[in-house]
Amino acid sequence: MAAEALTDAGFVVLEAEHAADAISILEAQARGVHILFTDVHMPGDMNGLQLAHHT
């Protein structure tokens, strides 16, 4: 729902299922990502707080 609302507001939204996917997307986009919006509880080995600290 958040991704849809941000898209409707004119933002380009990149979605990831888990932190490892998010890291791959962030690395591929280099400096093109300006905001990271994540949930604290995520599937996989890393939670949202760890993802935010990783970036």
PDB file of N, CA and C in Angstrom:
ATOM      1  N   MET A   1       0.813  -1.171   0.000  1.00  0.00           N
ATOM      2  CA  MET A   1       0.000   0.000   0.000  1.00  0.00           C
ATOM      3  C   MET A   1       0.878   1.266   0.000  1.00  0.00           C
ATOM      4  N   ALA A   2       1.962   1.234   0.757  1.00  0.00           N
ATOM      5  CA  ALA A   2       2.853   2.402   0.809  1.00  0.00           C
ATOM      6  C   ALA A   2       3.490   2.649  -0.552  1.00  0.00           C
ATOM      7  N   ALA A   3       3.922   1.585  -1.222  1.00  0.00           N
ATOM      8  CA  ALA A   3       4.543   1.737  -2.543  1.00  0.00           C
ATOM      9  C   ALA A   3       3.568   2.344  -3.539  1.00  0.00           C
ATOM     10  N   GLU A   4       2.335   1.909  -3.485  1.00  0.00           N
ATOM     11  CA  GLU A   4       1.314   2.446  -4.386  1.00  0.00           C
ATOM     12  C   GLU A   4       1.071   3.933  -4.116  1.00  0.00           C
ATOM     13  N   ALA A   5       0.989   4.302  -2.862  1.00  0.00           N
ATOM     14  CA  ALA A   5       0.755   5.701  -2.507  1.00  0.00           C
ATOM     15  C   ALA A   5       1.923   6.582  -2.959  1.00  0.00           C
ATOM     16  N   LEU A   6       3.146   6.103  -2.771  1.00  0.00           N
ATOM     17  CA  LEU A   6       4.314   6.879  -3.196  1.00  0.00           C
ATOM     18  C   LEU A   6       4.378   6.993  -4.715  1.00  0.00           C
ATOM     19  N   THR A   7       4.043   5.916  -5.409  1.00  0.00           N
ATOM     20  CA  THR A   7       4.000   5.951  -6.875  1.00  0.00           C
ATOM     21  C   THR A   7       2.946   6.939  -7.348  1.00  0.00           C
ATOM     22  N   ASP A   8       1.773   6.891  -6.736  1.00  0.00           N
ATOM     23  CA  ASP A   8       0.697   7.826  -7.089  1.00  0.00           C
ATOM     24  C   ASP A   8       1.107   9.277  -6.847  1.00  0.00           C
ATOM     25  N   ALA A   9       2.010   9.490  -5.888  1.00  0.00           N
ATOM     26  CA  ALA A   9       2.483  10.838  -5.577  1.00  0.00           C
ATOM     27  C   ALA A   9       3.601  11.289  -6.516  1.00  0.00           C
ATOM     28  N   GLY A  10       4.003  10.395  -7.434  1.00  0.00           N
ATOM     29  CA  GLY A  10       4.999  10.766  -8.436  1.00  0.00           C
ATOM     30  C   GLY A  10       6.408  10.274  -8.175  1.00  0.00           C
ATOM     31  N   PHE A  11       6.602   9.491  -7.133  1.00  0.00           N
ATOM     32  CA  PHE A  11       7.932   8.960  -6.835  1.00  0.00           C
ATOM     33  C   PHE A  11       8.177   7.679  -7.626  1.00  0.00           C
ATOM     34  N   VAL A  12       9.437   7.419  -7.949  1.00  0.00           N
ATOM     35  CA  VAL A  12       9.831   6.144  -8.532  1.00  0.00           C
ATOM     36  C   VAL A  12      10.111   5.208  -7.367  1.00  0.00           C
ATOM     37  N   VAL A  13       9.413   4.088  -7.319  1.00  0.00           N
ATOM     38  CA  VAL A  13       9.510   3.162  -6.195  1.00  0.00           C
ATOM     39  C   VAL A  13      10.170   1.866  -6.648  1.00  0.00           C
ATOM     40  N   LEU A  14      11.171   1.438  -5.916  1.00  0.00           N
ATOM     41  CA  LEU A  14      11.838   0.165  -6.153  1.00  0.00           C
ATOM     42  C   LEU A  14      11.516  -0.728  -4.963  1.00  0.00           C
ATOM     43  N   GLU A  15      10.965  -1.900  -5.216  1.00  0.00           N
ATOM     44  CA  GLU A  15      10.549  -2.783  -4.130  1.00  0.00           C
ATOM     45  C   GLU A  15      11.457  -4.007  -4.044  1.00  0.00           C
ATOM     46  N   ALA A  16      11.676  -4.466  -2.827  1.00  0.00           N
ATOM     47  CA  ALA A  16      12.470  -5.670  -2.579  1.00  0.00           C
ATOM     48  C   ALA A  16      11.728  -6.547  -1.585  1.00  0.00           C
ATOM     49  N   GLU A  17      11.822  -7.853  -1.786  1.00  0.00           N
ATOM     50  CA  GLU A  17      11.126  -8.795  -0.914  1.00  0.00           C
ATOM     51  C   GLU A  17      11.838  -8.973   0.421  1.00  0.00           C
ATOM     52  N   HIS A  18      13.162  -8.899   0.399  1.00  0.00           N
ATOM     53  CA  HIS A  18      13.927  -9.037   1.637  1.00  0.00           C
ATOM     54  C   HIS A  18      15.196  -8.205   1.541  1.00  0.00           C
ATOM     55  N   ALA A  19      15.938  -8.128   2.626  1.00  0.00           N
ATOM     56  CA  ALA A  19      17.084  -7.226   2.719  1.00  0.00           C
ATOM     57  C   ALA A  19      18.153  -7.519   1.672  1.00  0.00           C
ATOM     58  N   ALA A  20      18.411  -8.785   1.392  1.00  0.00           N
ATOM     59  CA  ALA A  20      19.434  -9.123   0.396  1.00  0.00           C
ATOM     60  C   ALA A  20      19.060  -8.550  -0.975  1.00  0.00           C
ATOM     61  N   ASP A  21      17.790  -8.635  -1.342  1.00  0.00           N
ATOM     62  CA  ASP A  21      17.334  -8.037  -2.598  1.00  0.00           C
ATOM     63  C   ASP A  21      17.487  -6.520  -2.552  1.00  0.00           C
ATOM     64  N   ALA A  22      17.151  -5.923  -1.423  1.00  0.00           N
ATOM     65  CA  ALA A  22      17.265  -4.468  -1.283  1.00  0.00           C
ATOM     66  C   ALA A  22      18.711  -4.017  -1.449  1.00  0.00           C
ATOM     67  N   ILE A  23      19.639  -4.751  -0.876  1.00  0.00           N
ATOM     68  CA  ILE A  23      21.056  -4.405  -0.997  1.00  0.00           C
ATOM     69  C   ILE A  23      21.492  -4.484  -2.451  1.00  0.00           C
ATOM     70  N   SER A  24      21.055  -5.510  -3.164  1.00  0.00           N
ATOM     71  CA  SER A  24      21.391  -5.640  -4.589  1.00  0.00           C
ATOM     72  C   SER A  24      20.847  -4.458  -5.384  1.00  0.00           C
ATOM     73  N   ILE A  25      19.612  -4.079  -5.105  1.00  0.00           N
ATOM     74  CA  ILE A  25      19.006  -2.937  -5.799  1.00  0.00           C
ATOM     75  C   ILE A  25      19.757  -1.656  -5.467  1.00  0.00           C
ATOM     76  N   LEU A  26      20.066  -1.446  -4.201  1.00  0.00           N
ATOM     77  CA  LEU A  26      20.783  -0.230  -3.796  1.00  0.00           C
ATOM     78  C   LEU A  26      22.154  -0.152  -4.452  1.00  0.00           C
ATOM     79  N   GLU A  27      22.851  -1.284  -4.532  1.00  0.00           N
ATOM     80  CA  GLU A  27      24.172  -1.291  -5.163  1.00  0.00           C
ATOM     81  C   GLU A  27      24.068  -1.025  -6.657  1.00  0.00           C
ATOM     82  N   ALA A  28      23.049  -1.572  -7.311  1.00  0.00           N
ATOM     83  CA  ALA A  28      22.868  -1.375  -8.748  1.00  0.00           C
ATOM     84  C   ALA A  28      22.476   0.059  -9.078  1.00  0.00           C
ATOM     85  N   GLN A  29      21.732   0.697  -8.194  1.00  0.00           N
ATOM     86  CA  GLN A  29      21.265   2.062  -8.425  1.00  0.00           C
ATOM     87  C   GLN A  29      22.278   3.114  -8.005  1.00  0.00           C
ATOM     88  N   ALA A  30      23.300   2.689  -7.305  1.00  0.00           N
ATOM     89  CA  ALA A  30      24.367   3.569  -6.808  1.00  0.00           C
ATOM     90  C   ALA A  30      23.793   4.786  -6.097  1.00  0.00           C
ATOM     91  N   ARG A  31      23.916   5.962  -6.656  1.00  0.00           N
ATOM     92  CA  ARG A  31      23.477   7.191  -5.981  1.00  0.00           C
ATOM     93  C   ARG A  31      22.064   7.600  -6.370  1.00  0.00           C
ATOM     94  N   GLY A  32      21.338   6.746  -7.080  1.00  0.00           N
ATOM     95  CA  GLY A  32      19.999   7.104  -7.540  1.00  0.00           C
ATOM     96  C   GLY A  32      18.915   6.964  -6.492  1.00  0.00           C
ATOM     97  N   VAL A  33      19.209   6.321  -5.378  1.00  0.00           N
ATOM     98  CA  VAL A  33      18.213   6.118  -4.328  1.00  0.00           C
ATOM     99  C   VAL A  33      18.401   7.204  -3.272  1.00  0.00           C
ATOM    100  N   HIS A  34      17.317   7.912  -2.978  1.00  0.00           N
ATOM    101  CA  HIS A  34      17.400   9.016  -2.024  1.00  0.00           C
ATOM    102  C   HIS A  34      16.760   8.689  -0.679  1.00  0.00           C
ATOM    103  N   ILE A  35      15.835   7.719  -0.668  1.00  0.00           N
ATOM    104  CA  ILE A  35      15.139   7.357   0.571  1.00  0.00           C
ATOM    105  C   ILE A  35      15.030   5.843   0.652  1.00  0.00           C
ATOM    106  N   LEU A  36      15.280   5.304   1.837  1.00  0.00           N
ATOM    107  CA  LEU A  36      15.071   3.887   2.102  1.00  0.00           C
ATOM    108  C   LEU A  36      13.928   3.774   3.091  1.00  0.00           C
ATOM    109  N   PHE A  37      12.854   3.143   2.667  1.00  0.00           N
ATOM    110  CA  PHE A  37      11.662   2.947   3.493  1.00  0.00           C
ATOM    111  C   PHE A  37      11.549   1.451   3.719  1.00  0.00           C
ATOM    112  N   THR A  38      11.673   1.013   4.956  1.00  0.00           N
ATOM    113  CA  THR A  38      11.690  -0.422   5.237  1.00  0.00           C
ATOM    114  C   THR A  38      10.866  -0.743   6.471  1.00  0.00           C
ATOM    115  N   ASP A  39      10.496  -1.988   6.571  1.00  0.00           N
ATOM    116  CA  ASP A  39       9.819  -2.490   7.752  1.00  0.00           C
ATOM    117  C   ASP A  39      10.879  -3.010   8.710  1.00  0.00           C
ATOM    118  N   VAL A  40      10.635  -2.955   9.983  1.00  0.00           N
ATOM    119  CA  VAL A  40      11.598  -3.475  10.949  1.00  0.00           C
ATOM    120  C   VAL A  40      11.677  -4.994  10.837  1.00  0.00           C
ATOM    121  N   HIS A  41      10.549  -5.643  10.723  1.00  0.00           N
ATOM    122  CA  HIS A  41      10.507  -7.105  10.607  1.00  0.00           C
ATOM    123  C   HIS A  41      10.435  -7.485   9.141  1.00  0.00           C
ATOM    124  N   MET A  42      11.498  -8.119   8.640  1.00  0.00           N
ATOM    125  CA  MET A  42      11.580  -8.518   7.240  1.00  0.00           C
ATOM    126  C   MET A  42      11.935  -9.994   7.153  1.00  0.00           C
ATOM    127  N   PRO A  43      11.505 -10.658   6.084  1.00  0.00           N
ATOM    128  CA  PRO A  43      11.932 -12.042   5.896  1.00  0.00           C
ATOM    129  C   PRO A  43      13.425 -12.091   5.585  1.00  0.00           C
ATOM    130  N   GLY A  44      14.062 -13.182   5.882  1.00  0.00           N
ATOM    131  CA  GLY A  44      15.487 -13.338   5.583  1.00  0.00           C
ATOM    132  C   GLY A  44      16.346 -13.169   6.810  1.00  0.00           C
ATOM    133  N   ASP A  45      17.639 -13.037   6.561  1.00  0.00           N
ATOM    134  CA  ASP A  45      18.633 -13.008   7.640  1.00  0.00           C
ATOM    135  C   ASP A  45      18.851 -11.632   8.261  1.00  0.00           C
ATOM    136  N   MET A  46      18.309 -10.598   7.644  1.00  0.00           N
ATOM    137  CA  MET A  46      18.564  -9.233   8.106  1.00  0.00           C
ATOM    138  C   MET A  46      17.236  -8.516   8.312  1.00  0.00           C
ATOM    139  N   ASN A  47      17.117  -7.773   9.414  1.00  0.00           N
ATOM    140  CA  ASN A  47      15.883  -7.002   9.618  1.00  0.00           C
ATOM    141  C   ASN A  47      16.065  -5.579   9.061  1.00  0.00           C
ATOM    142  N   GLY A  48      15.026  -4.788   9.133  1.00  0.00           N
ATOM    143  CA  GLY A  48      15.055  -3.450   8.567  1.00  0.00           C
ATOM    144  C   GLY A  48      16.078  -2.528   9.203  1.00  0.00           C
ATOM    145  N   LEU A  49      16.279  -2.655  10.502  1.00  0.00           N
ATOM    146  CA  LEU A  49      17.285  -1.825  11.178  1.00  0.00           C
ATOM    147  C   LEU A  49      18.691  -2.177  10.705  1.00  0.00           C
ATOM    148  N   GLN A  50      18.958  -3.466  10.565  1.00  0.00           N
ATOM    149  CA  GLN A  50      20.263  -3.898  10.065  1.00  0.00           C
ATOM    150  C   GLN A  50      20.483  -3.431   8.624  1.00  0.00           C
ATOM    151  N   LEU A  51      19.410  -3.482   7.823  1.00  0.00           N
ATOM    152  CA  LEU A  51      19.492  -3.008   6.443  1.00  0.00           C
ATOM    153  C   LEU A  51      19.836  -1.521   6.411  1.00  0.00           C
ATOM    154  N   ALA A  52      19.168  -0.737   7.230  1.00  0.00           N
ATOM    155  CA  ALA A  52      19.432   0.703   7.266  1.00  0.00           C
ATOM    156  C   ALA A  52      20.864   1.000   7.677  1.00  0.00           C
ATOM    157  N   HIS A  53      21.389   0.252   8.618  1.00  0.00           N
ATOM    158  CA  HIS A  53      22.778   0.455   9.050  1.00  0.00           C
ATOM    159  C   HIS A  53      23.765  -0.017   7.998  1.00  0.00           C
ATOM    160  N   HIS A  54      23.369  -0.998   7.207  1.00  0.00           N
ATOM    161  CA  HIS A  54      24.242  -1.544   6.164  1.00  0.00           C
ATOM    162  C   HIS A  54      24.462  -0.537   5.035  1.00  0.00           C
ATOM    163  N   THR A  55      23.447   0.285   4.778  1.00  0.00           N
ATOM    164  CA  THR A  55      23.516   1.178   3.614  1.00  0.00           C
ATOM    165  C   THR A  55      24.348   2.376   3.858  1.00  0.00           C
TER     166      THR A  55
END
